[in-house]
Amino acid sequence: MSLNTDLPTLRQLELLVALPGAASIAAAGARIGMSASATSHALRALEDAMGCDVLDRMAAGVALTHAGELALPHARDVFASMQQLKTVAA
Protein backbone atom coordinates (compact mmCIF):
# COMPACT_ATOMS: atom_id res chain seq x y z
CA MET A 1 0.00 0.00 0.00
CA SER A 2 1.41 3.39 -0.93
CA LEU A 3 0.42 6.76 0.45
CA ASN A 4 -0.85 9.43 -1.91
CA THR A 5 1.63 12.30 -1.54
CA ASP A 6 -0.92 14.70 -3.06
CA LEU A 7 -3.03 14.55 0.10
CA PRO A 8 -2.83 17.27 2.76
CA THR A 9 -0.59 16.46 5.71
CA LEU A 10 -1.88 16.26 9.26
CA ARG A 11 -0.04 19.48 10.06
CA GLN A 12 -1.77 21.26 7.17
CA LEU A 13 -5.16 19.97 8.33
CA GLU A 14 -4.33 21.09 11.87
CA LEU A 15 -3.77 24.58 10.48
CA LEU A 16 -7.09 24.48 8.64
CA VAL A 17 -8.83 23.59 11.91
CA ALA A 18 -7.01 26.42 13.71
CA LEU A 19 -7.96 29.11 11.17
CA PRO A 20 -11.62 29.78 12.10
CA GLY A 21 -11.81 32.35 14.86
CA ALA A 22 -8.15 33.37 14.53
CA ALA A 23 -7.34 37.07 14.20
CA SER A 24 -4.85 36.37 11.41
CA ILE A 25 -3.13 33.57 9.52
CA ALA A 26 -0.06 34.00 11.72
CA ALA A 27 -2.23 33.84 14.87
CA ALA A 28 -3.77 30.57 13.68
CA GLY A 29 -0.30 29.14 13.13
CA ALA A 30 0.93 30.39 16.50
CA ARG A 31 -2.07 28.70 18.13
CA ILE A 32 -0.63 25.36 17.00
CA GLY A 33 3.03 26.23 17.54
CA MET A 34 4.02 27.24 14.01
CA SER A 35 6.15 30.22 13.04
CA ALA A 36 4.66 32.77 10.65
CA SER A 37 6.89 31.47 7.84
CA ALA A 38 5.98 27.83 8.47
CA THR A 39 2.30 28.80 8.61
CA SER A 40 2.51 30.53 5.25
CA HIS A 41 4.27 27.56 3.66
CA ALA A 42 1.80 25.07 5.18
CA LEU A 43 -1.20 27.08 3.96
CA ARG A 44 0.22 27.30 0.45
CA ALA A 45 0.99 23.55 0.44
CA LEU A 46 -2.52 22.76 1.72
CA GLU A 47 -4.08 24.80 -1.06
CA ASP A 48 -1.79 23.14 -3.62
CA ALA A 49 -2.77 19.69 -2.33
CA MET A 50 -6.46 20.56 -2.42
CA GLY A 51 -6.25 22.35 -5.75
CA CYS A 52 -8.13 25.43 -4.50
CA ASP A 53 -7.92 28.35 -2.10
CA VAL A 54 -9.18 27.62 1.41
CA LEU A 55 -8.71 31.14 2.72
CA ASP A 56 -10.10 34.44 1.47
CA ARG A 57 -7.10 36.74 1.61
CA MET A 58 -9.21 39.79 0.75
CA ALA A 59 -11.35 39.51 3.89
CA ALA A 60 -10.56 41.43 7.04
CA GLY A 61 -9.10 38.93 9.48
CA VAL A 62 -9.36 35.26 8.59
CA ALA A 63 -12.23 33.96 6.45
CA LEU A 64 -12.45 30.52 4.90
CA THR A 65 -13.57 30.24 1.31
CA HIS A 66 -16.55 28.06 0.46
CA ALA A 67 -14.13 25.21 -0.25
CA GLY A 68 -12.42 25.80 3.10
CA GLU A 69 -15.77 25.71 4.89
CA LEU A 70 -16.64 22.44 3.14
CA ALA A 71 -13.25 20.90 3.98
CA LEU A 72 -13.24 21.98 7.65
CA PRO A 73 -15.61 19.31 9.03
CA HIS A 74 -13.64 16.60 7.23
CA ALA A 75 -10.40 17.87 8.74
CA ARG A 76 -12.03 17.81 12.17
CA ASP A 77 -13.21 14.24 11.46
CA VAL A 78 -9.61 13.20 10.76
CA PHE A 79 -8.56 14.30 14.25
CA ALA A 80 -11.63 12.71 15.84
CA SER A 81 -10.75 9.45 14.09
CA MET A 82 -7.18 9.68 15.35
CA GLN A 83 -8.48 10.09 18.89
CA GLN A 84 -10.66 7.02 18.41
CA LEU A 85 -7.59 5.08 17.26
CA LYS A 86 -5.80 6.07 20.45
CA THR A 87 -8.78 4.98 22.52
CA VAL A 88 -9.01 1.61 20.77
CA ALA A 89 -5.28 1.05 21.16
CA ALA A 90 -5.43 1.85 24.87
PDB file of N, CA and C in Angstrom:
ATOM      1  N   MET A   1       0.837  -1.180   0.000  1.00  0.00           N
ATOM      2  CA  MET A   1       0.000   0.000   0.000  1.00  0.00           C
ATOM      3  C   MET A   1       0.883   1.245   0.000  1.00  0.00           C
ATOM      4  N   SER A   2       0.630   2.168  -0.901  1.00  0.00           N
ATOM      5  CA  SER A   2       1.413   3.394  -0.930  1.00  0.00           C
ATOM      6  C   SER A   2       0.528   4.572  -0.551  1.00  0.00           C
ATOM      7  N   LEU A   3       1.141   5.565   0.065  1.00  0.00           N
ATOM      8  CA  LEU A   3       0.418   6.761   0.454  1.00  0.00           C
ATOM      9  C   LEU A   3       0.389   7.745  -0.703  1.00  0.00           C
ATOM     10  N   ASN A   4      -0.719   8.417  -0.866  1.00  0.00           N
ATOM     11  CA  ASN A   4      -0.847   9.431  -1.907  1.00  0.00           C
ATOM     12  C   ASN A   4      -0.190  10.711  -1.394  1.00  0.00           C
ATOM     13  N   THR A   5       0.902  11.112  -1.997  1.00  0.00           N
ATOM     14  CA  THR A   5       1.627  12.295  -1.538  1.00  0.00           C
ATOM     15  C   THR A   5       0.923  13.592  -1.922  1.00  0.00           C
ATOM     16  N   ASP A   6      -0.167  13.504  -2.700  1.00  0.00           N
ATOM     17  CA  ASP A   6      -0.915  14.697  -3.063  1.00  0.00           C
ATOM     18  C   ASP A   6      -1.950  15.073  -2.004  1.00  0.00           C
ATOM     19  N   LEU A   7      -2.071  14.266  -0.958  1.00  0.00           N
ATOM     20  CA  LEU A   7      -3.026  14.551   0.099  1.00  0.00           C
ATOM     21  C   LEU A   7      -2.455  15.572   1.082  1.00  0.00           C
ATOM     22  N   PRO A   8      -3.321  16.354   1.722  1.00  0.00           N
ATOM     23  CA  PRO A   8      -2.832  17.270   2.757  1.00  0.00           C
ATOM     24  C   PRO A   8      -2.205  16.486   3.906  1.00  0.00           C
ATOM     25  N   THR A   9      -1.223  17.080   4.543  1.00  0.00           N
ATOM     26  CA  THR A   9      -0.594  16.461   5.713  1.00  0.00           C
ATOM     27  C   THR A   9      -1.447  16.748   6.946  1.00  0.00           C
ATOM     28  N   LEU A  10      -1.175  16.007   8.005  1.00  0.00           N
ATOM     29  CA  LEU A  10      -1.880  16.264   9.259  1.00  0.00           C
ATOM     30  C   LEU A  10      -1.611  17.678   9.766  1.00  0.00           C
ATOM     31  N   ARG A  11      -0.397  18.127   9.599  1.00  0.00           N
ATOM     32  CA  ARG A  11      -0.043  19.482  10.061  1.00  0.00           C
ATOM     33  C   ARG A  11      -0.836  20.537   9.282  1.00  0.00           C
ATOM     34  N   GLN A  12      -0.991  20.330   7.988  1.00  0.00           N
ATOM     35  CA  GLN A  12      -1.768  21.261   7.171  1.00  0.00           C
ATOM     36  C   GLN A  12      -3.235  21.245   7.589  1.00  0.00           C
ATOM     37  N   LEU A  13      -3.773  20.066   7.870  1.00  0.00           N
ATOM     38  CA  LEU A  13      -5.159  19.968   8.329  1.00  0.00           C
ATOM     39  C   LEU A  13      -5.319  20.599   9.710  1.00  0.00           C
ATOM     40  N   GLU A  14      -4.306  20.456  10.546  1.00  0.00           N
ATOM     41  CA  GLU A  14      -4.327  21.090  11.867  1.00  0.00           C
ATOM     42  C   GLU A  14      -4.416  22.612  11.713  1.00  0.00           C
ATOM     43  N   LEU A  15      -3.698  23.144  10.743  1.00  0.00           N
ATOM     44  CA  LEU A  15      -3.768  24.579  10.478  1.00  0.00           C
ATOM     45  C   LEU A  15      -5.165  24.968  10.007  1.00  0.00           C
ATOM     46  N   LEU A  16      -5.740  24.191   9.113  1.00  0.00           N
ATOM     47  CA  LEU A  16      -7.091  24.476   8.643  1.00  0.00           C
ATOM     48  C   LEU A  16      -8.067  24.536   9.813  1.00  0.00           C
ATOM     49  N   VAL A  17      -7.948  23.612  10.748  1.00  0.00           N
ATOM     50  CA  VAL A  17      -8.829  23.585  11.914  1.00  0.00           C
ATOM     51  C   VAL A  17      -8.586  24.800  12.821  1.00  0.00           C
ATOM     52  N   ALA A  18      -7.351  25.284  12.855  1.00  0.00           N
ATOM     53  CA  ALA A  18      -7.006  26.423  13.710  1.00  0.00           C
ATOM     54  C   ALA A  18      -7.418  27.765  13.110  1.00  0.00           C
ATOM     55  N   LEU A  19      -7.684  27.822  11.818  1.00  0.00           N
ATOM     56  CA  LEU A  19      -7.965  29.108  11.167  1.00  0.00           C
ATOM     57  C   LEU A  19      -9.260  29.791  11.617  1.00  0.00           C
ATOM     58  N   PRO A  20     -10.388  29.082  11.703  1.00  0.00           N
ATOM     59  CA  PRO A  20     -11.617  29.783  12.102  1.00  0.00           C
ATOM     60  C   PRO A  20     -11.492  30.400  13.496  1.00  0.00           C
ATOM     61  N   GLY A  21     -11.873  31.651  13.587  1.00  0.00           N
ATOM     62  CA  GLY A  21     -11.807  32.352  14.861  1.00  0.00           C
ATOM     63  C   GLY A  21     -10.475  33.013  15.152  1.00  0.00           C
ATOM     64  N   ALA A  22      -9.465  32.751  14.335  1.00  0.00           N
ATOM     65  CA  ALA A  22      -8.151  33.371  14.534  1.00  0.00           C
ATOM     66  C   ALA A  22      -8.178  34.798  14.001  1.00  0.00           C
ATOM     67  N   ALA A  23      -7.410  35.670  14.628  1.00  0.00           N
ATOM     68  CA  ALA A  23      -7.338  37.072  14.204  1.00  0.00           C
ATOM     69  C   ALA A  23      -6.576  37.233  12.895  1.00  0.00           C
ATOM     70  N   SER A  24      -5.668  36.295  12.618  1.00  0.00           N
ATOM     71  CA  SER A  24      -4.851  36.369  11.412  1.00  0.00           C
ATOM     72  C   SER A  24      -4.332  34.972  11.084  1.00  0.00           C
ATOM     73  N   ILE A  25      -3.739  34.848   9.905  1.00  0.00           N
ATOM     74  CA  ILE A  25      -3.131  33.574   9.519  1.00  0.00           C
ATOM     75  C   ILE A  25      -2.003  33.233  10.487  1.00  0.00           C
ATOM     76  N   ALA A  26      -1.178  34.224  10.803  1.00  0.00           N
ATOM     77  CA  ALA A  26      -0.059  33.998  11.723  1.00  0.00           C
ATOM     78  C   ALA A  26      -0.561  33.592  13.107  1.00  0.00           C
ATOM     79  N   ALA A  27      -1.665  34.189  13.555  1.00  0.00           N
ATOM     80  CA  ALA A  27      -2.227  33.840  14.867  1.00  0.00           C
ATOM     81  C   ALA A  27      -2.732  32.403  14.880  1.00  0.00           C
ATOM     82  N   ALA A  28      -3.315  31.960  13.777  1.00  0.00           N
ATOM     83  CA  ALA A  28      -3.770  30.569  13.683  1.00  0.00           C
ATOM     84  C   ALA A  28      -2.578  29.630  13.777  1.00  0.00           C
ATOM     85  N   GLY A  29      -1.506  29.967  13.068  1.00  0.00           N
ATOM     86  CA  GLY A  29      -0.300  29.145  13.134  1.00  0.00           C
ATOM     87  C   GLY A  29       0.302  29.135  14.521  1.00  0.00           C
ATOM     88  N   ALA A  30       0.366  30.301  15.150  1.00  0.00           N
ATOM     89  CA  ALA A  30       0.935  30.389  16.498  1.00  0.00           C
ATOM     90  C   ALA A  30       0.124  29.560  17.483  1.00  0.00           C
ATOM     91  N   ARG A  31      -1.176  29.487  17.266  1.00  0.00           N
ATOM     92  CA  ARG A  31      -2.071  28.704  18.127  1.00  0.00           C
ATOM     93  C   ARG A  31      -1.655  27.232  18.158  1.00  0.00           C
ATOM     94  N   ILE A  32      -1.057  26.766  17.060  1.00  0.00           N
ATOM     95  CA  ILE A  32      -0.635  25.357  17.000  1.00  0.00           C
ATOM     96  C   ILE A  32       0.887  25.219  16.989  1.00  0.00           C
ATOM     97  N   GLY A  33       1.584  26.297  17.370  1.00  0.00           N
ATOM     98  CA  GLY A  33       3.028  26.230  17.537  1.00  0.00           C
ATOM     99  C   GLY A  33       3.848  26.369  16.275  1.00  0.00           C
ATOM    100  N   MET A  34       3.295  27.036  15.261  1.00  0.00           N
ATOM    101  CA  MET A  34       4.022  27.235  14.011  1.00  0.00           C
ATOM    102  C   MET A  34       4.497  28.679  13.905  1.00  0.00           C
ATOM    103  N   SER A  35       5.669  28.872  13.327  1.00  0.00           N
ATOM    104  CA  SER A  35       6.154  30.215  13.043  1.00  0.00           C
ATOM    105  C   SER A  35       5.327  30.805  11.905  1.00  0.00           C
ATOM    106  N   ALA A  36       5.402  32.114  11.722  1.00  0.00           N
ATOM    107  CA  ALA A  36       4.659  32.772  10.645  1.00  0.00           C
ATOM    108  C   ALA A  36       5.088  32.222   9.286  1.00  0.00           C
ATOM    109  N   SER A  37       6.379  31.997   9.107  1.00  0.00           N
ATOM    110  CA  SER A  37       6.890  31.471   7.844  1.00  0.00           C
ATOM    111  C   SER A  37       6.380  30.055   7.599  1.00  0.00           C
ATOM    112  N   ALA A  38       6.451  29.204   8.613  1.00  0.00           N
ATOM    113  CA  ALA A  38       5.979  27.827   8.474  1.00  0.00           C
ATOM    114  C   ALA A  38       4.479  27.801   8.198  1.00  0.00           C
ATOM    115  N   THR A  39       3.748  28.713   8.825  1.00  0.00           N
ATOM    116  CA  THR A  39       2.300  28.799   8.607  1.00  0.00           C
ATOM    117  C   THR A  39       2.003  29.138   7.154  1.00  0.00           C
ATOM    118  N   SER A  40       2.705  30.115   6.630  1.00  0.00           N
ATOM    119  CA  SER A  40       2.513  30.534   5.252  1.00  0.00           C
ATOM    120  C   SER A  40       2.802  29.390   4.285  1.00  0.00           C
ATOM    121  N   HIS A  41       3.899  28.689   4.525  1.00  0.00           N
ATOM    122  CA  HIS A  41       4.269  27.557   3.663  1.00  0.00           C
ATOM    123  C   HIS A  41       3.239  26.428   3.764  1.00  0.00           C
ATOM    124  N   ALA A  42       2.777  26.145   4.984  1.00  0.00           N
ATOM    125  CA  ALA A  42       1.798  25.070   5.184  1.00  0.00           C
ATOM    126  C   ALA A  42       0.477  25.407   4.506  1.00  0.00           C
ATOM    127  N   LEU A  43       0.056  26.669   4.596  1.00  0.00           N
ATOM    128  CA  LEU A  43      -1.198  27.079   3.965  1.00  0.00           C
ATOM    129  C   LEU A  43      -1.101  26.958   2.451  1.00  0.00           C
ATOM    130  N   ARG A  44       0.018  27.393   1.899  1.00  0.00           N
ATOM    131  CA  ARG A  44       0.222  27.299   0.450  1.00  0.00           C
ATOM    132  C   ARG A  44       0.246  25.830   0.008  1.00  0.00           C
ATOM    133  N   ALA A  45       0.917  24.977   0.774  1.00  0.00           N
ATOM    134  CA  ALA A  45       0.989  23.552   0.439  1.00  0.00           C
ATOM    135  C   ALA A  45      -0.385  22.892   0.570  1.00  0.00           C
ATOM    136  N   LEU A  46      -1.167  23.294   1.561  1.00  0.00           N
ATOM    137  CA  LEU A  46      -2.521  22.763   1.723  1.00  0.00           C
ATOM    138  C   LEU A  46      -3.368  23.115   0.510  1.00  0.00           C
ATOM    139  N   GLU A  47      -3.297  24.365   0.095  1.00  0.00           N
ATOM    140  CA  GLU A  47      -4.080  24.800  -1.061  1.00  0.00           C
ATOM    141  C   GLU A  47      -3.602  24.113  -2.341  1.00  0.00           C
ATOM    142  N   ASP A  48      -2.312  23.882  -2.458  1.00  0.00           N
ATOM    143  CA  ASP A  48      -1.793  23.137  -3.617  1.00  0.00           C
ATOM    144  C   ASP A  48      -2.323  21.706  -3.602  1.00  0.00           C
ATOM    145  N   ALA A  49      -2.303  21.077  -2.439  1.00  0.00           N
ATOM    146  CA  ALA A  49      -2.767  19.695  -2.328  1.00  0.00           C
ATOM    147  C   ALA A  49      -4.262  19.585  -2.623  1.00  0.00           C
ATOM    148  N   MET A  50      -5.017  20.588  -2.198  1.00  0.00           N
ATOM    149  CA  MET A  50      -6.463  20.560  -2.416  1.00  0.00           C
ATOM    150  C   MET A  50      -6.849  21.062  -3.803  1.00  0.00           C
ATOM    151  N   GLY A  51      -5.958  21.828  -4.416  1.00  0.00           N
ATOM    152  CA  GLY A  51      -6.250  22.353  -5.746  1.00  0.00           C
ATOM    153  C   GLY A  51      -7.173  23.559  -5.744  1.00  0.00           C
ATOM    154  N   CYS A  52      -7.285  24.231  -4.593  1.00  0.00           N
ATOM    155  CA  CYS A  52      -8.125  25.426  -4.497  1.00  0.00           C
ATOM    156  C   CYS A  52      -7.718  26.250  -3.277  1.00  0.00           C
ATOM    157  N   ASP A  53      -8.154  27.492  -3.263  1.00  0.00           N
ATOM    158  CA  ASP A  53      -7.917  28.347  -2.100  1.00  0.00           C
ATOM    159  C   ASP A  53      -8.846  27.925  -0.973  1.00  0.00           C
ATOM    160  N   VAL A  54      -8.338  27.908   0.249  1.00  0.00           N
ATOM    161  CA  VAL A  54      -9.179  27.623   1.406  1.00  0.00           C
ATOM    162  C   VAL A  54      -9.383  28.871   2.256  1.00  0.00           C
ATOM    163  N   LEU A  55      -8.649  29.918   1.940  1.00  0.00           N
ATOM    164  CA  LEU A  55      -8.705  31.137   2.725  1.00  0.00           C
ATOM    165  C   LEU A  55      -8.921  32.334   1.814  1.00  0.00           C
ATOM    166  N   ASP A  56      -9.838  33.202   2.194  1.00  0.00           N
ATOM    167  CA  ASP A  56     -10.096  34.441   1.466  1.00  0.00           C
ATOM    168  C   ASP A  56      -9.126  35.495   1.979  1.00  0.00           C
ATOM    169  N   ARG A  57      -8.121  35.787   1.192  1.00  0.00           N
ATOM    170  CA  ARG A  57      -7.098  36.739   1.615  1.00  0.00           C
ATOM    171  C   ARG A  57      -7.555  38.191   1.482  1.00  0.00           C
ATOM    172  N   MET A  58      -8.694  38.435   0.880  1.00  0.00           N
ATOM    173  CA  MET A  58      -9.209  39.793   0.746  1.00  0.00           C
ATOM    174  C   MET A  58     -10.050  40.197   1.961  1.00  0.00           C
ATOM    175  N   ALA A  59     -10.489  39.227   2.740  1.00  0.00           N
ATOM    176  CA  ALA A  59     -11.350  39.511   3.888  1.00  0.00           C
ATOM    177  C   ALA A  59     -10.525  40.119   5.024  1.00  0.00           C
ATOM    178  N   ALA A  60     -11.196  40.919   5.828  1.00  0.00           N
ATOM    179  CA  ALA A  60     -10.561  41.432   7.043  1.00  0.00           C
ATOM    180  C   ALA A  60     -10.454  40.273   8.027  1.00  0.00           C
ATOM    181  N   GLY A  61      -9.288  40.066   8.585  1.00  0.00           N
ATOM    182  CA  GLY A  61      -9.098  38.933   9.475  1.00  0.00           C
ATOM    183  C   GLY A  61      -8.951  37.653   8.689  1.00  0.00           C
ATOM    184  N   VAL A  62      -9.474  36.563   9.224  1.00  0.00           N
ATOM    185  CA  VAL A  62      -9.364  35.260   8.586  1.00  0.00           C
ATOM    186  C   VAL A  62     -10.761  34.786   8.199  1.00  0.00           C
ATOM    187  N   ALA A  63     -10.952  34.475   6.932  1.00  0.00           N
ATOM    188  CA  ALA A  63     -12.231  33.955   6.454  1.00  0.00           C
ATOM    189  C   ALA A  63     -11.972  32.800   5.505  1.00  0.00           C
ATOM    190  N   LEU A  64     -12.585  31.662   5.790  1.00  0.00           N
ATOM    191  CA  LEU A  64     -12.454  30.517   4.901  1.00  0.00           C
ATOM    192  C   LEU A  64     -13.276  30.748   3.645  1.00  0.00           C
ATOM    193  N   THR A  65     -12.788  30.241   2.538  1.00  0.00           N
ATOM    194  CA  THR A  65     -13.568  30.237   1.306  1.00  0.00           C
ATOM    195  C   THR A  65     -14.661  29.181   1.446  1.00  0.00           C
ATOM    196  N   HIS A  66     -15.528  29.096   0.453  1.00  0.00           N
ATOM    197  CA  HIS A  66     -16.553  28.057   0.462  1.00  0.00           C
ATOM    198  C   HIS A  66     -15.898  26.680   0.518  1.00  0.00           C
ATOM    199  N   ALA A  67     -14.851  26.490  -0.258  1.00  0.00           N
ATOM    200  CA  ALA A  67     -14.132  25.213  -0.251  1.00  0.00           C
ATOM    201  C   ALA A  67     -13.528  24.937   1.121  1.00  0.00           C
ATOM    202  N   GLY A  68     -12.977  25.956   1.750  1.00  0.00           N
ATOM    203  CA  GLY A  68     -12.419  25.801   3.097  1.00  0.00           C
ATOM    204  C   GLY A  68     -13.483  25.404   4.097  1.00  0.00           C
ATOM    205  N   GLU A  69     -14.653  26.045   3.995  1.00  0.00           N
ATOM    206  CA  GLU A  69     -15.772  25.713   4.888  1.00  0.00           C
ATOM    207  C   GLU A  69     -16.218  24.267   4.685  1.00  0.00           C
ATOM    208  N   LEU A  70     -16.239  23.821   3.423  1.00  0.00           N
ATOM    209  CA  LEU A  70     -16.639  22.441   3.136  1.00  0.00           C
ATOM    210  C   LEU A  70     -15.601  21.434   3.627  1.00  0.00           C
ATOM    211  N   ALA A  71     -14.331  21.805   3.568  1.00  0.00           N
ATOM    212  CA  ALA A  71     -13.254  20.899   3.981  1.00  0.00           C
ATOM    213  C   ALA A  71     -13.106  20.825   5.502  1.00  0.00           C
ATOM    214  N   LEU A  72     -13.466  21.888   6.200  1.00  0.00           N
ATOM    215  CA  LEU A  72     -13.241  21.979   7.647  1.00  0.00           C
ATOM    216  C   LEU A  72     -13.833  20.808   8.433  1.00  0.00           C
ATOM    217  N   PRO A  73     -15.098  20.433   8.242  1.00  0.00           N
ATOM    218  CA  PRO A  73     -15.613  19.313   9.034  1.00  0.00           C
ATOM    219  C   PRO A  73     -14.882  17.997   8.761  1.00  0.00           C
ATOM    220  N   HIS A  74     -14.393  17.821   7.548  1.00  0.00           N
ATOM    221  CA  HIS A  74     -13.645  16.603   7.226  1.00  0.00           C
ATOM    222  C   HIS A  74     -12.288  16.604   7.929  1.00  0.00           C
ATOM    223  N   ALA A  75     -11.663  17.766   8.005  1.00  0.00           N
ATOM    224  CA  ALA A  75     -10.396  17.871   8.737  1.00  0.00           C
ATOM    225  C   ALA A  75     -10.627  17.571  10.216  1.00  0.00           C
ATOM    226  N   ARG A  76     -11.707  18.097  10.761  1.00  0.00           N
ATOM    227  CA  ARG A  76     -12.035  17.806  12.169  1.00  0.00           C
ATOM    228  C   ARG A  76     -12.294  16.313  12.367  1.00  0.00           C
ATOM    229  N   ASP A  77     -12.943  15.686  11.388  1.00  0.00           N
ATOM    230  CA  ASP A  77     -13.207  14.242  11.461  1.00  0.00           C
ATOM    231  C   ASP A  77     -11.918  13.438  11.495  1.00  0.00           C
ATOM    232  N   VAL A  78     -10.893  13.890  10.757  1.00  0.00           N
ATOM    233  CA  VAL A  78      -9.605  13.199  10.761  1.00  0.00           C
ATOM    234  C   VAL A  78      -9.059  13.140  12.181  1.00  0.00           C
ATOM    235  N   PHE A  79      -9.109  14.260  12.894  1.00  0.00           N
ATOM    236  CA  PHE A  79      -8.559  14.300  14.252  1.00  0.00           C
ATOM    237  C   PHE A  79      -9.435  13.533  15.232  1.00  0.00           C
ATOM    238  N   ALA A  80     -10.745  13.526  15.010  1.00  0.00           N
ATOM    239  CA  ALA A  80     -11.635  12.712  15.841  1.00  0.00           C
ATOM    240  C   ALA A  80     -11.337  11.233  15.633  1.00  0.00           C
ATOM    241  N   SER A  81     -11.089  10.839  14.387  1.00  0.00           N
ATOM    242  CA  SER A  81     -10.746   9.448  14.089  1.00  0.00           C
ATOM    243  C   SER A  81      -9.419   9.062  14.728  1.00  0.00           C
ATOM    244  N   MET A  82      -8.472   9.962  14.724  1.00  0.00           N
ATOM    245  CA  MET A  82      -7.179   9.684  15.345  1.00  0.00           C
ATOM    246  C   MET A  82      -7.348   9.474  16.846  1.00  0.00           C
ATOM    247  N   GLN A  83      -8.218  10.261  17.468  1.00  0.00           N
ATOM    248  CA  GLN A  83      -8.483  10.091  18.889  1.00  0.00           C
ATOM    249  C   GLN A  83      -9.140   8.740  19.159  1.00  0.00           C
ATOM    250  N   GLN A  84     -10.033   8.330  18.273  1.00  0.00           N
ATOM    251  CA  GLN A  84     -10.661   7.016  18.407  1.00  0.00           C
ATOM    252  C   GLN A  84      -9.641   5.895  18.283  1.00  0.00           C
ATOM    253  N   LEU A  85      -8.665   6.070  17.385  1.00  0.00           N
ATOM    254  CA  LEU A  85      -7.590   5.077  17.256  1.00  0.00           C
ATOM    255  C   LEU A  85      -6.808   4.952  18.546  1.00  0.00           C
ATOM    256  N   LYS A  86      -6.513   6.087  19.177  1.00  0.00           N
ATOM    257  CA  LYS A  86      -5.796   6.071  20.449  1.00  0.00           C
ATOM    258  C   LYS A  86      -6.605   5.351  21.527  1.00  0.00           C
ATOM    259  N   THR A  87      -7.905   5.607  21.525  1.00  0.00           N
ATOM    260  CA  THR A  87      -8.781   4.983  22.521  1.00  0.00           C
ATOM    261  C   THR A  87      -8.828   3.475  22.313  1.00  0.00           C
ATOM    262  N   VAL A  88      -8.970   3.048  21.090  1.00  0.00           N
ATOM    263  CA  VAL A  88      -9.013   1.615  20.774  1.00  0.00           C
ATOM    264  C   VAL A  88      -7.686   0.949  21.158  1.00  0.00           C
ATOM    265  N   ALA A  89      -6.592   1.620  20.869  1.00  0.00           N
ATOM    266  CA  ALA A  89      -5.277   1.051  21.159  1.00  0.00           C
ATOM    267  C   ALA A  89      -5.040   0.936  22.661  1.00  0.00           C
ATOM    268  N   ALA A  90      -5.612   1.870  23.424  1.00  0.00           N
ATOM    269  CA  ALA A  90      -5.429   1.845  24.874  1.00  0.00           C
ATOM    270  C   ALA A  90      -6.212   0.690  25.467  1.00  0.00           C
TER     271      ALA A  90
END
